[in-house]
Amino acid sequence: MATIWRFTIQNNMVTSGNKKRGKISKTGCNEPFKDRYWCPKLQWFSKEMCPFINRRECENYEVMCGSL
């Protein structure tokens, strides 16, 4: 059975498939992968970098507006 490719951030390491590297951002937000950026809140990649400074700002926006 084939293994599913995963992108994970644990401690200070970013793992994509069987490759590992150090985490660039403090919170794990906007971690680059090829031409996309990782969003830990959505657990998926975005085409553009997140406009928020940190995760708290993202969560505050979601509370005020109802969604991202």
N, C-alpha and C. Protein backbone atom coordinates (compact mmCIF):
# COMPACT_ATOMS: atom_id res chain seq x y z
N MET A 1 0.84 -1.18 0.00
CA MET A 1 0.00 0.00 0.00
C MET A 1 0.88 1.24 0.00
N ALA A 2 0.54 2.21 -0.80
CA ALA A 2 1.32 3.44 -0.93
C ALA A 2 1.08 4.37 0.26
N THR A 3 2.11 5.10 0.63
CA THR A 3 2.01 6.06 1.71
C THR A 3 1.54 7.40 1.16
N ILE A 4 0.69 8.09 1.91
CA ILE A 4 0.21 9.42 1.52
C ILE A 4 1.28 10.44 1.88
N TRP A 5 1.56 11.35 0.95
CA TRP A 5 2.52 12.42 1.18
C TRP A 5 1.95 13.39 2.19
N ARG A 6 2.75 13.82 3.17
CA ARG A 6 2.28 14.72 4.22
C ARG A 6 3.21 15.90 4.39
N PHE A 7 2.64 17.02 4.83
CA PHE A 7 3.39 18.22 5.20
C PHE A 7 3.08 18.46 6.67
N THR A 8 4.09 18.37 7.53
CA THR A 8 3.87 18.56 8.95
C THR A 8 4.94 19.47 9.55
N ILE A 9 4.56 20.11 10.66
CA ILE A 9 5.49 20.92 11.42
C ILE A 9 5.46 20.41 12.85
N GLN A 10 6.61 19.92 13.32
CA GLN A 10 6.72 19.43 14.69
C GLN A 10 7.98 20.02 15.30
N ASN A 11 7.81 20.61 16.48
CA ASN A 11 8.89 21.30 17.15
C ASN A 11 9.47 22.35 16.20
N ASN A 12 10.72 22.26 15.83
CA ASN A 12 11.33 23.23 14.92
C ASN A 12 11.66 22.64 13.56
N MET A 13 11.03 21.51 13.22
CA MET A 13 11.29 20.84 11.95
C MET A 13 10.06 20.82 11.05
N VAL A 14 10.26 21.11 9.77
CA VAL A 14 9.22 21.01 8.75
C VAL A 14 9.52 19.76 7.94
N THR A 15 8.52 18.90 7.82
CA THR A 15 8.68 17.66 7.07
C THR A 15 7.71 17.67 5.90
N SER A 16 8.25 17.46 4.70
CA SER A 16 7.42 17.34 3.51
C SER A 16 7.83 16.07 2.80
N GLY A 17 6.94 15.09 2.86
CA GLY A 17 7.29 13.77 2.33
C GLY A 17 8.38 13.17 3.20
N ASN A 18 9.51 12.82 2.60
CA ASN A 18 10.63 12.30 3.39
C ASN A 18 11.78 13.30 3.49
N LYS A 19 11.51 14.58 3.21
CA LYS A 19 12.51 15.64 3.34
C LYS A 19 12.23 16.45 4.60
N LYS A 20 13.31 16.91 5.26
CA LYS A 20 13.16 17.71 6.48
C LYS A 20 14.02 18.96 6.38
N ARG A 21 13.54 20.04 7.02
CA ARG A 21 14.32 21.27 7.12
C ARG A 21 13.89 22.01 8.37
N GLY A 22 14.65 23.00 8.76
CA GLY A 22 14.30 23.81 9.92
C GLY A 22 13.13 24.73 9.63
N LYS A 23 12.35 25.03 10.66
CA LYS A 23 11.20 25.92 10.52
C LYS A 23 11.70 27.35 10.36
N ILE A 24 11.14 28.10 9.42
CA ILE A 24 11.56 29.48 9.15
C ILE A 24 10.80 30.45 10.05
N SER A 25 9.49 30.29 10.14
CA SER A 25 8.69 31.22 10.93
C SER A 25 8.50 30.70 12.36
N LYS A 26 8.27 31.62 13.27
CA LYS A 26 8.12 31.28 14.67
C LYS A 26 6.87 30.45 14.93
N THR A 27 5.76 30.78 14.26
CA THR A 27 4.47 30.13 14.52
C THR A 27 4.13 29.01 13.54
N GLY A 28 4.88 28.87 12.46
CA GLY A 28 4.56 27.87 11.44
C GLY A 28 3.68 28.43 10.34
N CYS A 29 3.19 29.66 10.52
CA CYS A 29 2.38 30.30 9.49
C CYS A 29 3.26 30.73 8.33
N ASN A 30 2.75 30.62 7.13
CA ASN A 30 3.44 31.05 5.91
C ASN A 30 4.75 30.32 5.65
N GLU A 31 4.86 29.09 6.10
CA GLU A 31 6.05 28.29 5.77
C GLU A 31 6.03 28.03 4.27
N PRO A 32 7.07 28.46 3.56
CA PRO A 32 7.07 28.27 2.10
C PRO A 32 7.30 26.81 1.69
N PHE A 33 6.63 26.41 0.64
CA PHE A 33 6.85 25.12 0.00
C PHE A 33 6.61 25.32 -1.48
N LYS A 34 7.68 25.28 -2.25
CA LYS A 34 7.66 25.58 -3.68
C LYS A 34 7.05 26.97 -3.87
N ASP A 35 5.93 27.12 -4.56
CA ASP A 35 5.35 28.45 -4.77
C ASP A 35 4.08 28.66 -3.93
N ARG A 36 3.95 27.94 -2.83
CA ARG A 36 2.78 28.04 -1.94
C ARG A 36 3.23 28.32 -0.51
N TYR A 37 2.24 28.66 0.35
CA TYR A 37 2.52 28.97 1.75
C TYR A 37 1.58 28.17 2.64
N TRP A 38 2.14 27.55 3.67
CA TRP A 38 1.38 26.69 4.56
C TRP A 38 0.60 27.50 5.58
N CYS A 39 -0.66 27.14 5.78
CA CYS A 39 -1.52 27.74 6.81
C CYS A 39 -1.84 26.66 7.83
N PRO A 40 -1.28 26.74 9.05
CA PRO A 40 -1.57 25.71 10.05
C PRO A 40 -3.02 25.70 10.51
N LYS A 41 -3.70 26.84 10.41
CA LYS A 41 -5.11 26.89 10.82
C LYS A 41 -5.98 26.09 9.85
N LEU A 42 -5.77 26.26 8.55
CA LEU A 42 -6.54 25.54 7.54
C LEU A 42 -5.96 24.16 7.24
N GLN A 43 -4.71 23.93 7.67
CA GLN A 43 -3.99 22.69 7.36
C GLN A 43 -3.91 22.46 5.85
N TRP A 44 -3.61 23.58 5.13
CA TRP A 44 -3.50 23.50 3.68
C TRP A 44 -2.63 24.64 3.17
N PHE A 45 -2.33 24.63 1.88
CA PHE A 45 -1.47 25.64 1.25
C PHE A 45 -2.29 26.75 0.62
N SER A 46 -1.74 27.98 0.63
CA SER A 46 -2.35 29.13 -0.02
C SER A 46 -1.42 29.64 -1.10
N LYS A 47 -2.00 30.30 -2.12
CA LYS A 47 -1.17 30.86 -3.19
C LYS A 47 -0.41 32.09 -2.72
N GLU A 48 -1.05 32.89 -1.85
CA GLU A 48 -0.42 34.11 -1.34
C GLU A 48 -0.10 33.94 0.14
N MET A 49 0.87 34.73 0.60
CA MET A 49 1.19 34.72 2.02
C MET A 49 0.01 35.27 2.81
N CYS A 50 -0.16 34.79 4.01
CA CYS A 50 -1.21 35.26 4.90
C CYS A 50 -0.93 36.72 5.27
N PRO A 51 -1.96 37.58 5.25
CA PRO A 51 -1.75 39.00 5.56
C PRO A 51 -1.62 39.29 7.06
N PHE A 52 -1.90 38.30 7.91
CA PHE A 52 -1.86 38.54 9.35
C PHE A 52 -0.45 38.41 9.90
N ILE A 53 -0.17 39.18 10.93
CA ILE A 53 1.16 39.18 11.55
C ILE A 53 1.41 37.91 12.34
N ASN A 54 0.38 37.41 13.02
CA ASN A 54 0.53 36.20 13.82
C ASN A 54 -0.79 35.44 13.88
N ARG A 55 -0.78 34.30 14.53
CA ARG A 55 -1.96 33.44 14.60
C ARG A 55 -3.10 34.09 15.38
N ARG A 56 -2.76 34.85 16.42
CA ARG A 56 -3.78 35.52 17.23
C ARG A 56 -4.57 36.53 16.37
N GLU A 57 -3.87 37.27 15.54
CA GLU A 57 -4.54 38.22 14.65
C GLU A 57 -5.48 37.50 13.70
N CYS A 58 -5.07 36.36 13.21
CA CYS A 58 -5.89 35.52 12.33
C CYS A 58 -7.14 35.07 13.07
N GLU A 59 -6.99 34.59 14.30
CA GLU A 59 -8.12 34.13 15.09
C GLU A 59 -9.07 35.28 15.43
N ASN A 60 -8.53 36.47 15.74
CA ASN A 60 -9.38 37.63 16.03
C ASN A 60 -10.21 38.00 14.81
N TYR A 61 -9.60 37.97 13.64
CA TYR A 61 -10.32 38.27 12.40
C TYR A 61 -11.47 37.28 12.19
N GLU A 62 -11.19 36.02 12.43
CA GLU A 62 -12.21 34.98 12.25
C GLU A 62 -13.37 35.19 13.23
N VAL A 63 -13.08 35.58 14.47
CA VAL A 63 -14.13 35.82 15.46
C VAL A 63 -14.98 37.02 15.04
N MET A 64 -14.35 38.08 14.55
CA MET A 64 -15.08 39.28 14.16
C MET A 64 -15.90 39.07 12.88
N CYS A 65 -15.35 38.33 11.91
CA CYS A 65 -16.00 38.21 10.59
C CYS A 65 -16.75 36.89 10.39
N GLY A 66 -16.47 35.91 11.20
CA GLY A 66 -17.17 34.63 11.07
C GLY A 66 -16.45 33.59 10.26
N SER A 67 -15.49 33.98 9.43
CA SER A 67 -14.72 33.01 8.64
C SER A 67 -13.49 33.70 8.05
N LEU A 68 -12.61 32.88 7.50
CA LEU A 68 -11.43 33.42 6.82
C LEU A 68 -11.73 33.69 5.38
